[in-house]
Amino acid sequence: MKKALVMLASAVAMSGAFAQSSAAAAAPASASAPATAKAGHERNVEDRIAYLHSQLKITSAQDTQWNTFADVMRSNGQTMGELFQQRRAAANVSALDDMKQYATIAQAHADGMKKLVDAFDPLYNSLSPEQKKLADVTFHQPGGPGGPRHHGKGKIGKVKPAPASDAAAK
């Protein structure tokens, strides 16, 4: 059960990487905006990958599982970035077309999360008990799965420290 909750929390946490692309999309449009937004989105995904690699203290023995996981993050980020870019580029769409675009994005997100969970499973299983604790804290969402997500001021990967235990506070 705990493993399932960790996977679900991981999936919810990773969704912030995809949601971030829509924030970058809100920048004013110009001739270079699509290239700038794409570069910014790719940087956000790479920043998230680097942050997680450091936070989870990935070892060289875990590189194979890590690289698979990171590649899925990149692929998902690229897919979502393209879909958000298409959504931004669509002008004067009807309410129905807007809903269809959103449904496509939501389905791509769900498909991407399934791939991400599938890639995270062997990585998580390869982690030491200390690394698993780090992962559990890193991917924990306040209020549990589906609770409010706080990634800092628009910065993906910023995680608030775990609260001190009651014993430590006394």
C-alpha atoms as a PDB file:
ATOM      1  CA  MET A   1       0.000   0.000   0.000  1.00  0.00           C
ATOM      2  CA  LYS A   2       2.759   2.437   0.948  1.00  0.00           C
ATOM      3  CA  LYS A   3       4.519   1.716  -2.352  1.00  0.00           C
ATOM      4  CA  ALA A   4       1.347   2.543  -4.260  1.00  0.00           C
ATOM      5  CA  LEU A   5       0.970   5.800  -2.347  1.00  0.00           C
ATOM      6  CA  VAL A   6       4.591   6.719  -3.057  1.00  0.00           C
ATOM      7  CA  MET A   7       4.063   6.061  -6.744  1.00  0.00           C
ATOM      8  CA  LEU A   8       0.909   8.142  -6.768  1.00  0.00           C
ATOM      9  CA  ALA A   9       2.612  10.964  -4.882  1.00  0.00           C
ATOM     10  CA  SER A  10       5.493  10.732  -7.351  1.00  0.00           C
ATOM     11  CA  ALA A  11       3.105  11.038 -10.247  1.00  0.00           C
ATOM     12  CA  VAL A  12       1.396  14.062  -8.709  1.00  0.00           C
ATOM     13  CA  ALA A  13       4.745  15.682  -7.968  1.00  0.00           C
ATOM     14  CA  MET A  14       5.946  15.182 -11.504  1.00  0.00           C
ATOM     15  CA  SER A  15       2.826  16.768 -12.901  1.00  0.00           C
ATOM     16  CA  GLY A  16       4.277  20.102 -11.764  1.00  0.00           C
ATOM     17  CA  ALA A  17       6.941  19.747 -14.438  1.00  0.00           C
ATOM     18  CA  PHE A  18       4.221  19.665 -17.044  1.00  0.00           C
ATOM     19  CA  ALA A  19       2.122  22.402 -15.524  1.00  0.00           C
ATOM     20  CA  GLN A  20       5.195  24.628 -15.535  1.00  0.00           C
ATOM     21  CA  SER A  21       5.139  24.728 -19.326  1.00  0.00           C
ATOM     22  CA  SER A  22       1.789  26.503 -19.294  1.00  0.00           C
ATOM     23  CA  ALA A  23       3.239  29.231 -17.067  1.00  0.00           C
ATOM     24  CA  ALA A  24       6.046  29.758 -19.550  1.00  0.00           C
ATOM     25  CA  ALA A  25       3.410  29.896 -22.249  1.00  0.00           C
ATOM     26  CA  ALA A  26       1.790  32.907 -20.627  1.00  0.00           C
ATOM     27  CA  ALA A  27       4.708  35.133 -21.655  1.00  0.00           C
ATOM     28  CA  PRO A  28       3.916  37.787 -24.291  1.00  0.00           C
ATOM     29  CA  ALA A  29       4.124  36.546 -27.861  1.00  0.00           C
ATOM     30  CA  SER A  30       6.831  37.796 -30.171  1.00  0.00           C
ATOM     31  CA  ALA A  31       8.752  36.446 -33.154  1.00  0.00           C
ATOM     32  CA  SER A  32      11.192  34.643 -30.867  1.00  0.00           C
ATOM     33  CA  ALA A  33       8.656  33.707 -28.158  1.00  0.00           C
ATOM     34  CA  PRO A  34       8.119  30.093 -29.301  1.00  0.00           C
ATOM     35  CA  ALA A  35      11.868  29.397 -29.312  1.00  0.00           C
ATOM     36  CA  THR A  36      12.321  31.194 -25.999  1.00  0.00           C
ATOM     37  CA  ALA A  37       9.384  29.366 -24.404  1.00  0.00           C
ATOM     38  CA  LYS A  38      10.677  26.040 -25.690  1.00  0.00           C
ATOM     39  CA  ALA A  39      14.183  26.729 -24.375  1.00  0.00           C
ATOM     40  CA  GLY A  40      12.725  27.801 -21.030  1.00  0.00           C
ATOM     41  CA  HIS A  41      10.542  24.702 -20.822  1.00  0.00           C
ATOM     42  CA  GLU A  42      13.438  22.383 -21.679  1.00  0.00           C
ATOM     43  CA  ARG A  43      15.557  24.142 -19.064  1.00  0.00           C
ATOM     44  CA  ASN A  44      12.793  23.625 -16.480  1.00  0.00           C
ATOM     45  CA  VAL A  45      12.661  19.903 -17.241  1.00  0.00           C
ATOM     46  CA  GLU A  46      16.462  19.619 -17.090  1.00  0.00           C
ATOM     47  CA  ASP A  47      16.504  21.624 -13.845  1.00  0.00           C
ATOM     48  CA  ARG A  48      13.942  19.241 -12.364  1.00  0.00           C
ATOM     49  CA  ILE A  49      15.986  16.214 -13.482  1.00  0.00           C
ATOM     50  CA  ALA A  50      19.183  17.659 -11.995  1.00  0.00           C
ATOM     51  CA  TYR A  51      17.395  18.565  -8.775  1.00  0.00           C
ATOM     52  CA  LEU A  52      15.955  15.073  -8.352  1.00  0.00           C
ATOM     53  CA  HIS A  53      19.287  13.418  -9.186  1.00  0.00           C
ATOM     54  CA  SER A  54      20.967  15.457  -6.470  1.00  0.00           C
ATOM     55  CA  GLN A  55      18.110  15.223  -3.953  1.00  0.00           C
ATOM     56  CA  LEU A  56      17.840  11.435  -4.266  1.00  0.00           C
ATOM     57  CA  LYS A  57      21.628  10.980  -4.179  1.00  0.00           C
ATOM     58  CA  ILE A  58      21.596   8.718  -7.233  1.00  0.00           C
ATOM     59  CA  THR A  59      24.661   6.453  -7.359  1.00  0.00           C
ATOM     60  CA  SER A  60      26.523   5.216 -10.423  1.00  0.00           C
ATOM     61  CA  ALA A  61      25.036   1.756  -9.783  1.00  0.00           C
ATOM     62  CA  GLN A  62      21.575   3.314 -10.244  1.00  0.00           C
ATOM     63  CA  ASP A  63      22.429   5.193 -13.439  1.00  0.00           C
ATOM     64  CA  THR A  64      20.648   2.754 -15.763  1.00  0.00           C
ATOM     65  CA  GLN A  65      17.330   3.070 -13.919  1.00  0.00           C
ATOM     66  CA  TRP A  66      17.870   6.807 -13.426  1.00  0.00           C
ATOM     67  CA  ASN A  67      18.595   7.436 -17.112  1.00  0.00           C
ATOM     68  CA  THR A  68      15.425   5.595 -18.121  1.00  0.00           C
ATOM     69  CA  PHE A  69      13.413   7.706 -15.681  1.00  0.00           C
ATOM     70  CA  ALA A  70      15.057  10.962 -16.821  1.00  0.00           C
ATOM     71  CA  ASP A  71      14.472  10.097 -20.491  1.00  0.00           C
ATOM     72  CA  VAL A  72      10.764   9.571 -19.793  1.00  0.00           C
ATOM     73  CA  MET A  73      10.669  12.951 -18.034  1.00  0.00           C
ATOM     74  CA  ARG A  74      12.273  14.566 -21.093  1.00  0.00           C
ATOM     75  CA  SER A  75       9.923  12.819 -23.507  1.00  0.00           C
ATOM     76  CA  ASN A  76       6.864  13.726 -21.448  1.00  0.00           C
ATOM     77  CA  GLY A  77       8.069  17.304 -21.146  1.00  0.00           C
ATOM     78  CA  GLN A  78       8.574  17.551 -24.892  1.00  0.00           C
ATOM     79  CA  THR A  79       5.117  16.130 -25.601  1.00  0.00           C
ATOM     80  CA  MET A  80       3.422  18.454 -23.136  1.00  0.00           C
ATOM     81  CA  GLY A  81       5.433  21.440 -24.348  1.00  0.00           C
ATOM     82  CA  GLU A  82       4.333  20.792 -27.924  1.00  0.00           C
ATOM     83  CA  LEU A  83       0.700  20.411 -26.909  1.00  0.00           C
ATOM     84  CA  PHE A  84       0.749  23.634 -24.893  1.00  0.00           C
ATOM     85  CA  GLN A  85       2.429  25.406 -27.796  1.00  0.00           C
ATOM     86  CA  GLN A  86      -0.291  24.174 -30.158  1.00  0.00           C
ATOM     87  CA  ARG A  87      -2.913  25.357 -27.677  1.00  0.00           C
ATOM     88  CA  ARG A  88      -1.325  28.814 -27.476  1.00  0.00           C
ATOM     89  CA  ALA A  89      -1.102  29.057 -31.250  1.00  0.00           C
ATOM     90  CA  ALA A  90      -4.770  28.212 -31.780  1.00  0.00           C
ATOM     91  CA  ALA A  91      -6.710  31.445 -32.162  1.00  0.00           C
ATOM     92  CA  ASN A  92     -10.459  31.964 -32.181  1.00  0.00           C
ATOM     93  CA  VAL A  93     -11.304  28.406 -31.231  1.00  0.00           C
ATOM     94  CA  SER A  94     -14.808  27.455 -30.220  1.00  0.00           C
ATOM     95  CA  ALA A  95     -15.604  26.301 -26.709  1.00  0.00           C
ATOM     96  CA  LEU A  96     -15.915  22.762 -28.054  1.00  0.00           C
ATOM     97  CA  ASP A  97     -12.512  22.909 -29.758  1.00  0.00           C
ATOM     98  CA  ASP A  98     -11.002  24.374 -26.596  1.00  0.00           C
ATOM     99  CA  MET A  99     -12.393  21.483 -24.556  1.00  0.00           C
ATOM    100  CA  LYS A 100     -11.084  18.987 -27.105  1.00  0.00           C
ATOM    101  CA  GLN A 101      -7.604  20.536 -26.878  1.00  0.00           C
ATOM    102  CA  TYR A 102      -7.739  20.333 -23.113  1.00  0.00           C
ATOM    103  CA  ALA A 103      -8.891  16.706 -23.283  1.00  0.00           C
ATOM    104  CA  THR A 104      -5.925  15.905 -25.539  1.00  0.00           C
ATOM    105  CA  ILE A 105      -3.552  17.539 -23.055  1.00  0.00           C
ATOM    106  CA  ALA A 106      -5.164  15.740 -20.113  1.00  0.00           C
ATOM    107  CA  GLN A 107      -4.930  12.383 -21.913  1.00  0.00           C
ATOM    108  CA  ALA A 108      -1.289  12.996 -22.850  1.00  0.00           C
ATOM    109  CA  HIS A 109      -0.595  13.906 -19.231  1.00  0.00           C
ATOM    110  CA  ALA A 110      -2.260  10.706 -17.984  1.00  0.00           C
ATOM    111  CA  ASP A 111      -0.367   8.604 -20.544  1.00  0.00           C
ATOM    112  CA  GLY A 112       2.889  10.344 -19.621  1.00  0.00           C
ATOM    113  CA  MET A 113       2.308   9.772 -15.913  1.00  0.00           C
ATOM    114  CA  LYS A 114       1.771   6.055 -16.547  1.00  0.00           C
ATOM    115  CA  LYS A 115       5.101   5.918 -18.395  1.00  0.00           C
ATOM    116  CA  LEU A 116       6.772   7.911 -15.618  1.00  0.00           C
ATOM    117  CA  VAL A 117       5.448   5.630 -12.881  1.00  0.00           C
ATOM    118  CA  ASP A 118       6.547   2.582 -14.889  1.00  0.00           C
ATOM    119  CA  ALA A 119      10.049   4.074 -15.173  1.00  0.00           C
ATOM    120  CA  PHE A 120      10.136   5.154 -11.527  1.00  0.00           C
ATOM    121  CA  ASP A 121       9.187   1.720 -10.163  1.00  0.00           C
ATOM    122  CA  PRO A 122      12.539  -0.014 -10.881  1.00  0.00           C
ATOM    123  CA  LEU A 123      14.442   3.127  -9.870  1.00  0.00           C
ATOM    124  CA  TYR A 124      12.598   3.332  -6.541  1.00  0.00           C
ATOM    125  CA  ASN A 125      13.198  -0.373  -5.943  1.00  0.00           C
ATOM    126  CA  SER A 126      16.927   0.144  -6.514  1.00  0.00           C
ATOM    127  CA  LEU A 127      17.152   2.922  -3.922  1.00  0.00           C
ATOM    128  CA  SER A 128      18.661   2.336  -0.510  1.00  0.00           C
ATOM    129  CA  PRO A 129      16.356   2.761   2.513  1.00  0.00           C
ATOM    130  CA  GLU A 130      17.850   6.251   3.063  1.00  0.00           C
ATOM    131  CA  GLN A 131      17.228   7.189  -0.580  1.00  0.00           C
ATOM    132  CA  LYS A 132      13.665   5.870  -0.384  1.00  0.00           C
ATOM    133  CA  LYS A 133      13.049   8.141   2.605  1.00  0.00           C
ATOM    134  CA  LEU A 134      14.450  11.054   0.603  1.00  0.00           C
ATOM    135  CA  ALA A 135      12.181  10.149  -2.328  1.00  0.00           C
ATOM    136  CA  ASP A 136       9.177   9.837  -0.039  1.00  0.00           C
ATOM    137  CA  VAL A 137       9.801  13.326   1.363  1.00  0.00           C
ATOM    138  CA  THR A 138      10.731  14.847  -1.994  1.00  0.00           C
ATOM    139  CA  PHE A 139       7.611  13.582  -3.760  1.00  0.00           C
ATOM    140  CA  HIS A 140       5.221  14.088  -0.848  1.00  0.00           C
ATOM    141  CA  GLN A 141       2.402  16.490  -1.559  1.00  0.00           C
ATOM    142  CA  PRO A 142       0.908  18.497   1.333  1.00  0.00           C
ATOM    143  CA  GLY A 143      -2.525  17.103   2.059  1.00  0.00           C
ATOM    144  CA  GLY A 144      -1.661  13.792   0.385  1.00  0.00           C
ATOM    145  CA  PRO A 145      -2.204  12.841  -3.244  1.00  0.00           C
ATOM    146  CA  GLY A 146      -4.467  15.366  -4.887  1.00  0.00           C
ATOM    147  CA  GLY A 147      -3.708  17.952  -2.210  1.00  0.00           C
ATOM    148  CA  PRO A 148      -2.394  21.419  -2.934  1.00  0.00           C
ATOM    149  CA  ARG A 149       0.965  21.480  -4.689  1.00  0.00           C
ATOM    150  CA  HIS A 150       3.561  23.970  -3.548  1.00  0.00           C
ATOM    151  CA  HIS A 151       6.633  24.056  -5.751  1.00  0.00           C
ATOM    152  CA  GLY A 152       7.866  27.419  -4.567  1.00  0.00           C
ATOM    153  CA  LYS A 153       7.396  30.593  -6.554  1.00  0.00           C
ATOM    154  CA  GLY A 154       6.935  28.893  -9.908  1.00  0.00           C
ATOM    155  CA  LYS A 155      10.182  26.968  -9.491  1.00  0.00           C
ATOM    156  CA  ILE A 156       9.792  23.245 -10.029  1.00  0.00           C
ATOM    157  CA  GLY A 157      11.551  21.023  -7.592  1.00  0.00           C
ATOM    158  CA  LYS A 158      11.644  23.401  -4.669  1.00  0.00           C
ATOM    159  CA  VAL A 159      10.578  21.301  -1.722  1.00  0.00           C
ATOM    160  CA  LYS A 160       9.835  22.617   1.725  1.00  0.00           C
ATOM    161  CA  PRO A 161      11.775  20.824   4.461  1.00  0.00           C
ATOM    162  CA  ALA A 162       9.891  18.191   6.408  1.00  0.00           C
ATOM    163  CA  PRO A 163       8.477  19.529   9.690  1.00  0.00           C
ATOM    164  CA  ALA A 164      10.424  18.703  12.811  1.00  0.00           C
ATOM    165  CA  SER A 165       9.003  15.867  14.877  1.00  0.00           C
ATOM    166  CA  ASP A 166       7.292  16.653  18.166  1.00  0.00           C
ATOM    167  CA  ALA A 167      10.220  15.094  20.021  1.00  0.00           C
ATOM    168  CA  ALA A 168      12.687  17.390  18.268  1.00  0.00           C
ATOM    169  CA  ALA A 169      10.521  20.429  18.961  1.00  0.00           C
ATOM    170  CA  LYS A 170      10.485  19.762  22.732  1.00  0.00           C
END
